[in-house]
Amino acid sequence: MDVVREIVADRLGGTSFGTGDGTYKFERIKRAKAEAEFARPDVPIIDLGIGESDEAADPLIVEALAAEAGRWENRTYADNGTAEFSEAAARYLGRVYGVRADADAIVHGIGSKQILALLPACFINPGDVILVPSPAYPVAASWTRYLGGEAYPLPLRRENGFLPDLSEVPPSVLSRAKLLYLNYPNNPTGAAATTGFFSDVVSFAERNRLLVIHDAAYGALTYGPSGPLSFLSVPGAREVGVEVHSLSKAFCMTGWRMGFVTGNRTAVSAYAAVKANTDAGQFRAIQKAAIVALSHPEITGRSREKYSRRLDLMTDALRAAGFDAAKPAGSFYCYAGSPVAAGTEPFDSAEDASLWLLKNARVSTVPWDDAGSYLRFSATFHAPDEKAERAVADSLRERLVSARLSFR
């Protein structure tokens, strides 16, 4: 008998831990991709499921880390972060988003994922509710459930511009709600928020005594003429919300694990208190390299140009195969309605379609069946130059057209 299984916490399934189909979706995709590669190693997979850059961090950032890594003064615990990093983050918010931020109201995190995991611990008691878009990055909702709270889904529908309809939340749910999680530019839909929507969110939060958690991981990756938009740029937002920023997407620093949170001072202080009992801070040398990154937003500009070019190519290829694809307003994802069949083979879900495309067309995607059936295609595929990008897009078009996909 497995004695340890008998004492696993209920939040992880208790004695049923590891026996169900609760595998993290992205882990299931990795396993399916590995199986497809093993089955047909002669035909390379076009991997459009990756949620991280295909490039390494800029040499400026790498050189800064190399210079700082061996310094004696960087060996110690960083706790809740260095003042220098917070000051650089404040300057970055002003330069890129036009937002005034006080350095003493900015606290770093070991990646934005950690920040999103710890914020519910600051506010959620058993029975409390967090309002979460559906689909959404799962971390905040997962930790809310771990703490005995509930995650109430807000469907993201195409007809509403993939913005949640806050008027649909029942009063019985609102009376128990404490947090509203948002993420724009959005993963997976690629939608961007507007100033008007954010203003409505502020009013909604004020009326219902909610804290807004805006996940701005893709905030700097926008393709419209108006540029990046911060939730904190809207009047009143700082009183009802926090914004979480990441260096992973904007600066190709996924594995470096650097992010920060700012906004409402009480919320930031609560996060700092929980964080102080969770970790001892990110390595000071990484924080100093991150300061270099934040001081050079033109690095993000180069990534933005690359993703914009690739999204144009991908969108054209998807349309040729029948997808209702449109270039996103932000992020590096194209989100399109899933096919219902390939030839005479029907699909019951986006996950079915995704697995079929992986095995038969050798195209890897991420499926979403939360609010309709959609596939997410990422522009982070590996291609060292523009010629290679066009070759990937041409191969994608050929494989998808040959699949004879049909749609509703």
Protein backbone atom coordinates (compact mmCIF):
# COMPACT_ATOMS: atom_id res chain seq x y z
CA MET A 1 0.00 0.00 0.00
CA ASP A 2 1.25 3.49 -0.87
CA VAL A 3 1.14 5.22 2.52
CA VAL A 4 2.14 8.56 1.02
CA ARG A 5 -0.83 8.50 -1.36
CA GLU A 6 -3.12 8.21 1.67
CA ILE A 7 -1.96 11.58 2.99
CA VAL A 8 -1.85 13.61 -0.26
CA ALA A 9 -3.87 16.81 0.19
CA ASP A 10 -7.41 16.92 -1.16
CA ARG A 11 -6.47 19.91 -3.33
CA LEU A 12 -4.33 17.52 -5.41
CA GLY A 13 -6.95 14.79 -5.47
CA GLY A 14 -6.15 13.03 -2.20
CA THR A 15 -5.87 9.27 -2.58
CA SER A 16 -6.75 9.63 -6.29
CA PHE A 17 -3.67 11.76 -6.99
CA GLY A 18 -1.93 10.64 -10.17
CA THR A 19 -4.65 8.19 -11.19
CA GLY A 20 -7.00 10.47 -13.10
CA ASP A 21 -6.78 12.47 -16.32
CA GLY A 22 -5.83 15.70 -14.61
CA THR A 23 -2.55 16.10 -16.49
CA TYR A 24 -1.69 19.73 -17.23
CA LYS A 25 -2.77 20.33 -20.82
CA PHE A 26 0.60 21.53 -22.03
CA GLU A 27 2.20 18.39 -20.59
CA ARG A 28 -0.27 16.25 -22.58
CA ILE A 29 0.70 18.16 -25.72
CA LYS A 30 4.41 17.61 -25.05
CA ARG A 31 3.81 13.88 -24.66
CA ALA A 32 1.77 13.68 -27.87
CA LYS A 33 4.45 15.59 -29.76
CA ALA A 34 7.17 13.26 -28.47
CA GLU A 35 5.12 10.26 -29.62
CA ALA A 36 4.60 11.81 -33.07
CA GLU A 37 8.31 12.54 -33.43
CA PHE A 38 9.18 8.97 -32.46
CA ALA A 39 6.63 7.50 -34.88
CA ARG A 40 7.82 9.48 -37.93
CA PRO A 41 11.27 10.97 -37.34
CA ASP A 42 11.75 11.51 -41.08
CA VAL A 43 9.05 14.24 -41.32
CA PRO A 44 9.78 17.32 -39.18
CA ILE A 45 6.94 18.78 -37.15
CA ILE A 46 5.98 22.40 -37.71
CA ASP A 47 5.74 23.42 -34.07
CA LEU A 48 3.19 26.21 -33.66
CA GLY A 49 2.37 25.26 -30.08
CA ILE A 50 5.38 26.84 -28.41
CA GLY A 51 4.60 29.68 -25.99
CA GLU A 52 8.11 31.06 -25.78
CA SER A 53 10.52 32.84 -28.10
CA ASP A 54 12.66 30.87 -30.53
CA GLU A 55 15.49 33.34 -29.90
CA ALA A 56 17.90 33.71 -27.00
CA ALA A 57 18.05 36.90 -24.97
CA ASP A 58 19.82 39.82 -26.60
CA PRO A 59 23.65 39.73 -26.27
CA LEU A 60 23.49 42.94 -24.20
CA ILE A 61 21.47 41.11 -21.56
CA VAL A 62 23.60 37.96 -21.67
CA GLU A 63 26.81 40.00 -21.35
CA ALA A 64 25.38 41.81 -18.34
CA LEU A 65 24.61 38.50 -16.63
CA ALA A 66 28.08 37.17 -17.39
CA ALA A 67 29.66 40.29 -15.93
CA GLU A 68 27.55 40.21 -12.76
CA ALA A 69 27.36 36.47 -12.05
CA GLY A 70 30.75 36.21 -10.37
CA ARG A 71 30.69 39.45 -8.41
CA TRP A 72 31.10 38.88 -4.67
CA GLU A 73 28.34 41.35 -3.74
CA ASN A 74 25.75 39.48 -5.86
CA ARG A 75 26.06 36.21 -3.93
CA THR A 76 23.57 37.07 -1.19
CA TYR A 77 19.81 36.61 -0.87
CA ALA A 78 17.83 39.23 -2.74
CA ASP A 79 14.65 38.74 -0.66
CA ASN A 80 11.95 40.98 -2.15
CA GLY A 81 14.25 42.47 -4.76
CA THR A 82 16.78 45.20 -5.24
CA ALA A 83 15.89 48.87 -5.23
CA GLU A 84 17.79 49.24 -8.50
CA PHE A 85 15.52 46.76 -10.27
CA SER A 86 12.36 48.44 -8.95
CA GLU A 87 13.64 51.82 -10.13
CA ALA A 88 14.40 50.41 -13.59
CA ALA A 89 10.90 48.88 -13.74
CA ALA A 90 9.36 52.25 -12.83
CA ARG A 91 11.32 53.98 -15.61
CA TYR A 92 10.28 51.26 -18.07
CA LEU A 93 6.59 51.69 -17.28
CA GLY A 94 6.89 55.42 -17.87
CA ARG A 95 8.80 55.07 -21.11
CA VAL A 96 6.81 52.25 -22.73
CA TYR A 97 3.31 52.71 -21.24
CA GLY A 98 3.29 56.34 -20.15
CA VAL A 99 2.44 55.20 -16.61
CA ARG A 100 3.83 56.87 -13.51
CA ALA A 101 4.91 54.23 -11.03
CA ASP A 102 6.66 54.59 -7.70
CA ALA A 103 9.64 52.29 -7.29
CA ASP A 104 8.69 51.58 -3.68
CA ALA A 105 5.38 50.13 -4.91
CA ILE A 106 7.09 47.64 -7.26
CA VAL A 107 8.12 44.16 -6.10
CA HIS A 108 9.85 41.62 -8.30
CA GLY A 109 8.90 37.99 -8.70
CA ILE A 110 10.67 34.88 -9.91
CA GLY A 111 8.66 35.13 -13.11
CA SER A 112 5.10 36.38 -13.47
CA LYS A 113 3.81 32.83 -12.95
CA GLN A 114 5.02 32.94 -9.36
CA ILE A 115 3.37 36.32 -8.78
CA LEU A 116 0.05 35.06 -10.16
CA ALA A 117 0.28 31.99 -7.92
CA LEU A 118 0.98 33.97 -4.76
CA LEU A 119 -1.59 36.75 -5.18
CA PRO A 120 -4.59 34.49 -4.35
CA ALA A 121 -2.82 33.52 -1.11
CA CYS A 122 -3.05 37.18 -0.11
CA PHE A 123 -6.83 37.39 -0.46
CA ILE A 124 -8.64 34.08 -0.86
CA ASN A 125 -10.31 32.31 2.05
CA PRO A 126 -12.36 29.10 1.67
CA GLY A 127 -15.57 29.90 -0.20
CA ASP A 128 -14.25 33.08 -1.84
CA VAL A 129 -14.46 33.51 -5.61
CA ILE A 130 -12.07 34.67 -8.31
CA LEU A 131 -13.56 35.73 -11.66
CA VAL A 132 -11.44 34.22 -14.45
CA PRO A 133 -11.82 34.48 -18.23
CA SER A 134 -12.36 31.22 -20.08
CA PRO A 135 -10.03 30.27 -21.66
CA ALA A 136 -7.19 31.67 -19.55
CA TYR A 137 -3.73 30.95 -18.21
CA PRO A 138 -4.65 28.57 -15.36
CA VAL A 139 -2.32 29.51 -12.49
CA ALA A 140 -4.44 32.05 -10.57
CA ALA A 141 -7.51 29.81 -10.77
CA SER A 142 -5.55 26.72 -9.75
CA TRP A 143 -4.16 28.39 -6.65
CA THR A 144 -7.57 29.79 -5.75
CA ARG A 145 -8.92 26.23 -5.74
CA TYR A 146 -5.92 25.02 -3.70
CA LEU A 147 -6.91 27.59 -1.08
CA GLY A 148 -10.51 26.40 -0.93
CA GLY A 149 -11.90 29.11 -3.18
CA GLU A 150 -13.81 28.90 -6.44
CA ALA A 151 -12.98 30.08 -9.97
CA TYR A 152 -16.01 31.44 -11.83
CA PRO A 153 -15.51 31.37 -15.63
CA LEU A 154 -16.13 34.39 -17.86
CA PRO A 155 -16.41 33.10 -21.46
CA LEU A 156 -14.33 34.93 -24.06
CA ARG A 157 -16.42 35.00 -27.23
CA ARG A 158 -15.50 36.23 -30.68
CA GLU A 159 -18.69 38.32 -30.94
CA ASN A 160 -17.56 40.33 -27.91
CA GLY A 161 -14.03 40.89 -29.18
CA PHE A 162 -12.82 38.22 -26.72
CA LEU A 163 -13.54 40.56 -23.83
CA PRO A 164 -15.50 39.16 -20.87
CA ASP A 165 -19.08 40.32 -20.42
CA LEU A 166 -19.01 41.34 -16.76
CA SER A 167 -22.77 41.87 -16.70
CA GLU A 168 -23.24 38.10 -16.93
CA VAL A 169 -21.86 37.45 -13.44
CA PRO A 170 -24.77 36.54 -11.13
CA PRO A 171 -25.22 38.61 -7.93
CA SER A 172 -24.84 35.44 -5.87
CA VAL A 173 -21.33 35.01 -7.29
CA LEU A 174 -20.41 38.69 -7.07
CA SER A 175 -21.26 38.74 -3.38
CA ARG A 176 -18.45 36.23 -2.77
CA ALA A 177 -15.98 37.48 -5.38
CA LYS A 178 -12.72 39.10 -4.32
CA LEU A 179 -10.50 39.00 -7.40
CA LEU A 180 -10.97 39.60 -11.13
CA TYR A 181 -8.20 38.19 -13.31
CA LEU A 182 -7.60 39.71 -16.77
CA ASN A 183 -4.88 39.25 -19.39
CA TYR A 184 -4.41 41.63 -22.34
CA PRO A 185 -3.03 41.27 -24.92
CA ASN A 186 -4.66 37.93 -24.36
CA ASN A 187 -3.36 34.40 -24.32
CA PRO A 188 -4.71 32.50 -26.21
CA THR A 189 -6.98 34.76 -28.28
CA GLY A 190 -4.52 37.54 -29.18
CA ALA A 191 -7.18 40.15 -28.43
CA ALA A 192 -6.23 43.54 -26.99
CA ALA A 193 -8.19 45.56 -24.47
CA THR A 194 -9.31 49.15 -24.96
CA THR A 195 -9.24 52.14 -22.66
CA GLY A 196 -13.04 52.03 -22.60
CA PHE A 197 -13.08 48.41 -21.48
CA PHE A 198 -10.51 49.05 -18.76
CA SER A 199 -12.55 52.03 -17.56
CA ASP A 200 -15.60 49.78 -17.31
CA VAL A 201 -13.52 47.27 -15.35
CA VAL A 202 -12.50 49.99 -12.86
CA SER A 203 -16.15 50.92 -12.32
CA PHE A 204 -17.13 47.27 -11.97
CA ALA A 205 -14.38 46.69 -9.40
CA GLU A 206 -15.37 49.79 -7.42
CA ARG A 207 -19.04 48.77 -7.29
CA ASN A 208 -18.29 45.21 -6.27
CA ARG A 209 -15.26 45.80 -4.02
CA LEU A 210 -12.94 43.65 -6.14
CA LEU A 211 -9.20 43.67 -6.75
CA VAL A 212 -8.26 43.44 -10.43
CA ILE A 213 -5.19 41.38 -11.33
CA HIS A 214 -4.08 42.35 -14.81
CA ASP A 215 -1.58 39.93 -16.30
CA ALA A 216 0.42 42.02 -18.79
CA ALA A 217 2.87 39.30 -19.82
CA TYR A 218 2.30 40.19 -23.50
CA GLY A 219 1.68 43.88 -22.84
CA ALA A 220 4.45 45.24 -25.06
CA LEU A 221 3.67 42.96 -28.01
CA THR A 222 0.97 44.90 -29.86
CA TYR A 223 0.56 45.57 -33.58
CA GLY A 224 -1.88 48.45 -33.78
CA PRO A 225 -1.04 52.13 -34.19
CA SER A 226 -1.94 53.03 -30.60
CA GLY A 227 0.87 51.01 -28.99
CA PRO A 228 0.93 49.16 -25.64
CA LEU A 229 -1.85 49.86 -23.14
CA SER A 230 -1.46 49.46 -19.38
CA PHE A 231 -4.47 48.90 -17.13
CA LEU A 232 -2.84 51.34 -14.69
CA SER A 233 -3.07 54.13 -17.28
CA VAL A 234 -6.84 54.32 -16.69
CA PRO A 235 -8.06 56.70 -13.95
CA GLY A 236 -8.89 54.82 -10.77
CA ALA A 237 -7.10 51.62 -11.78
CA ARG A 238 -4.37 52.00 -9.19
CA GLU A 239 -6.99 52.08 -6.42
CA VAL A 240 -8.62 48.79 -7.48
CA GLY A 241 -5.91 46.78 -9.17
CA VAL A 242 -2.40 45.53 -9.73
CA GLU A 243 -0.57 44.81 -12.95
CA VAL A 244 1.85 41.93 -13.38
CA HIS A 245 4.68 42.31 -15.90
CA SER A 246 7.06 39.72 -17.28
CA LEU A 247 10.38 39.92 -19.10
CA SER A 248 9.83 36.49 -20.68
CA LYS A 249 7.92 37.46 -23.81
CA ALA A 250 9.06 41.04 -24.35
CA PHE A 251 12.77 40.31 -23.93
CA CYS A 252 13.07 36.60 -24.85
CA MET A 253 13.97 35.80 -21.22
CA THR A 254 11.54 32.93 -20.55
CA GLY A 255 13.92 30.77 -18.52
CA TRP A 256 15.45 33.69 -16.65
CA ARG A 257 12.33 34.02 -14.46
CA MET A 258 11.92 37.75 -13.92
CA GLY A 259 8.72 39.71 -13.46
CA PHE A 260 7.25 42.37 -11.23
CA VAL A 261 3.96 43.60 -9.82
CA THR A 262 2.81 47.14 -9.15
CA GLY A 263 -0.39 49.07 -8.51
CA ASN A 264 -2.46 49.17 -5.34
CA ARG A 265 0.00 49.57 -2.48
CA THR A 266 -1.88 47.36 -0.02
CA ALA A 267 -2.06 44.53 -2.55
CA VAL A 268 1.63 44.87 -3.44
CA SER A 269 2.55 44.86 0.25
CA ALA A 270 0.44 41.75 0.84
CA TYR A 271 2.20 40.02 -2.06
CA ALA A 272 5.57 41.03 -0.61
CA ALA A 273 4.61 39.52 2.76
CA VAL A 274 3.62 36.18 1.23
CA LYS A 275 6.62 36.18 -1.09
CA ALA A 276 8.99 36.76 1.84
CA ASN A 277 7.78 33.44 3.26
CA THR A 278 8.04 31.66 -0.09
CA ASP A 279 11.43 32.42 -1.64
CA ALA A 280 14.63 34.37 -1.06
CA GLY A 281 14.48 36.43 -4.24
CA GLN A 282 15.83 36.04 -7.74
CA PHE A 283 19.64 35.92 -8.15
CA ARG A 284 20.94 39.48 -8.00
CA ALA A 285 22.95 39.04 -11.20
CA ILE A 286 19.76 38.17 -13.09
CA GLN A 287 18.08 41.25 -11.63
CA LYS A 288 20.98 43.39 -12.87
CA ALA A 289 20.77 41.83 -16.33
CA ALA A 290 17.02 42.53 -16.25
CA ILE A 291 17.78 46.20 -15.54
CA VAL A 292 19.75 46.27 -18.79
CA ALA A 293 16.79 44.72 -20.62
CA LEU A 294 14.28 47.21 -19.24
CA SER A 295 16.60 50.04 -20.28
CA HIS A 296 16.50 48.88 -23.91
CA PRO A 297 12.86 48.56 -25.04
CA GLU A 298 14.08 48.66 -28.64
CA ILE A 299 14.90 44.96 -28.09
CA THR A 300 11.17 44.33 -27.79
CA GLY A 301 10.63 46.44 -30.89
CA ARG A 302 12.72 44.03 -32.94
CA SER A 303 10.74 41.06 -31.62
CA ARG A 304 7.50 42.87 -32.36
CA GLU A 305 8.55 43.38 -36.00
CA LYS A 306 9.46 39.70 -36.33
CA TYR A 307 6.22 38.42 -34.81
CA SER A 308 4.13 40.83 -36.87
CA ARG A 309 5.78 39.57 -40.06
CA ARG A 310 5.32 35.93 -39.08
CA LEU A 311 1.69 36.42 -38.05
CA ASP A 312 0.97 37.89 -41.49
CA LEU A 313 2.47 34.80 -43.13
CA MET A 314 0.67 32.40 -40.78
CA THR A 315 -2.68 34.11 -41.20
CA ASP A 316 -2.45 33.86 -44.99
CA ALA A 317 -1.57 30.16 -44.76
CA LEU A 318 -4.42 29.41 -42.39
CA ARG A 319 -6.95 31.25 -44.53
CA ALA A 320 -5.85 29.27 -47.58
CA ALA A 321 -6.79 26.10 -45.71
CA GLY A 322 -10.21 27.43 -44.69
CA PHE A 323 -9.55 28.78 -41.18
CA ASP A 324 -11.35 31.98 -40.11
CA ALA A 325 -7.98 33.43 -39.15
CA ALA A 326 -7.22 37.09 -38.51
CA LYS A 327 -4.02 38.74 -37.40
CA PRO A 328 -4.21 39.37 -33.63
CA ALA A 329 -4.02 42.81 -32.07
CA GLY A 330 -1.34 41.58 -29.68
CA SER A 331 0.67 38.63 -28.31
CA PHE A 332 2.28 36.18 -30.76
CA TYR A 333 -0.74 33.90 -31.13
CA CYS A 334 -3.28 33.42 -33.88
CA TYR A 335 -6.55 32.00 -32.51
CA ALA A 336 -8.86 30.40 -35.06
CA GLY A 337 -11.97 28.26 -35.02
CA SER A 338 -11.16 24.56 -35.04
CA PRO A 339 -12.03 22.36 -38.04
CA VAL A 340 -14.83 19.85 -37.54
CA ALA A 341 -13.39 17.24 -39.90
CA ALA A 342 -10.47 16.24 -42.11
CA GLY A 343 -11.83 14.56 -45.20
CA THR A 344 -14.38 12.08 -43.91
CA GLU A 345 -12.94 11.92 -40.37
CA PRO A 346 -14.97 14.02 -37.91
CA PHE A 347 -13.62 15.81 -34.83
CA ASP A 348 -15.63 16.06 -31.63
CA SER A 349 -13.42 18.79 -30.15
CA ALA A 350 -10.50 21.10 -30.79
CA GLU A 351 -8.30 18.64 -28.91
CA ASP A 352 -9.30 15.90 -31.37
CA ALA A 353 -8.45 18.20 -34.28
CA SER A 354 -5.14 19.20 -32.70
CA LEU A 355 -4.08 15.59 -32.19
CA TRP A 356 -5.07 14.69 -35.75
CA LEU A 357 -3.08 17.59 -37.19
CA LEU A 358 -0.07 16.59 -35.11
CA LYS A 359 -0.14 12.94 -36.21
CA ASN A 360 -1.20 13.36 -39.83
CA ALA A 361 -0.20 16.85 -40.99
CA ARG A 362 2.78 17.11 -38.63
CA VAL A 363 1.58 20.49 -37.34
CA SER A 364 1.61 21.10 -33.58
CA THR A 365 -1.03 23.46 -32.11
CA VAL A 366 -2.67 24.13 -28.76
CA PRO A 367 -6.41 23.30 -28.54
CA TRP A 368 -9.00 25.20 -26.50
CA ASP A 369 -12.53 23.90 -25.94
CA ASP A 370 -13.47 26.29 -23.13
CA ALA A 371 -15.72 28.76 -24.98
CA GLY A 372 -16.17 27.17 -28.38
CA SER A 373 -13.56 25.05 -30.14
CA TYR A 374 -10.42 26.89 -31.21
CA LEU A 375 -6.80 26.21 -32.08
CA ARG A 376 -3.93 28.45 -31.05
CA PHE A 377 -1.08 28.87 -33.52
CA SER A 378 2.12 30.48 -32.25
CA ALA A 379 4.51 32.64 -34.29
CA THR A 380 7.45 31.47 -32.19
CA PHE A 381 8.40 28.63 -34.54
CA HIS A 382 12.11 28.25 -35.17
CA ALA A 383 13.34 30.12 -38.25
CA PRO A 384 16.69 31.93 -38.33
CA ASP A 385 15.80 34.44 -41.06
CA GLU A 386 12.98 35.77 -43.23
CA LYS A 387 13.64 33.22 -45.98
CA ALA A 388 13.21 30.41 -43.45
CA GLU A 389 10.04 32.05 -42.12
CA ARG A 390 8.52 32.03 -45.60
CA ALA A 391 9.54 28.39 -46.04
CA VAL A 392 7.76 27.43 -42.80
CA ALA A 393 4.64 29.33 -43.88
CA ASP A 394 4.67 27.69 -47.32
CA SER A 395 5.01 24.23 -45.77
CA LEU A 396 2.22 25.03 -43.32
CA ARG A 397 -0.07 26.09 -46.15
CA GLU A 398 0.70 22.95 -48.16
CA ARG A 399 0.13 20.57 -45.25
CA LEU A 400 -3.10 22.17 -44.09
CA VAL A 401 -4.59 22.47 -47.60
CA SER A 402 -3.72 18.82 -48.23
CA ALA A 403 -5.55 17.85 -45.04
CA ARG A 404 -8.90 18.80 -46.67
CA LEU A 405 -10.26 20.40 -43.52
CA SER A 406 -13.88 21.41 -43.17
CA PHE A 407 -15.44 23.97 -40.85
CA ARG A 408 -18.87 24.90 -39.58
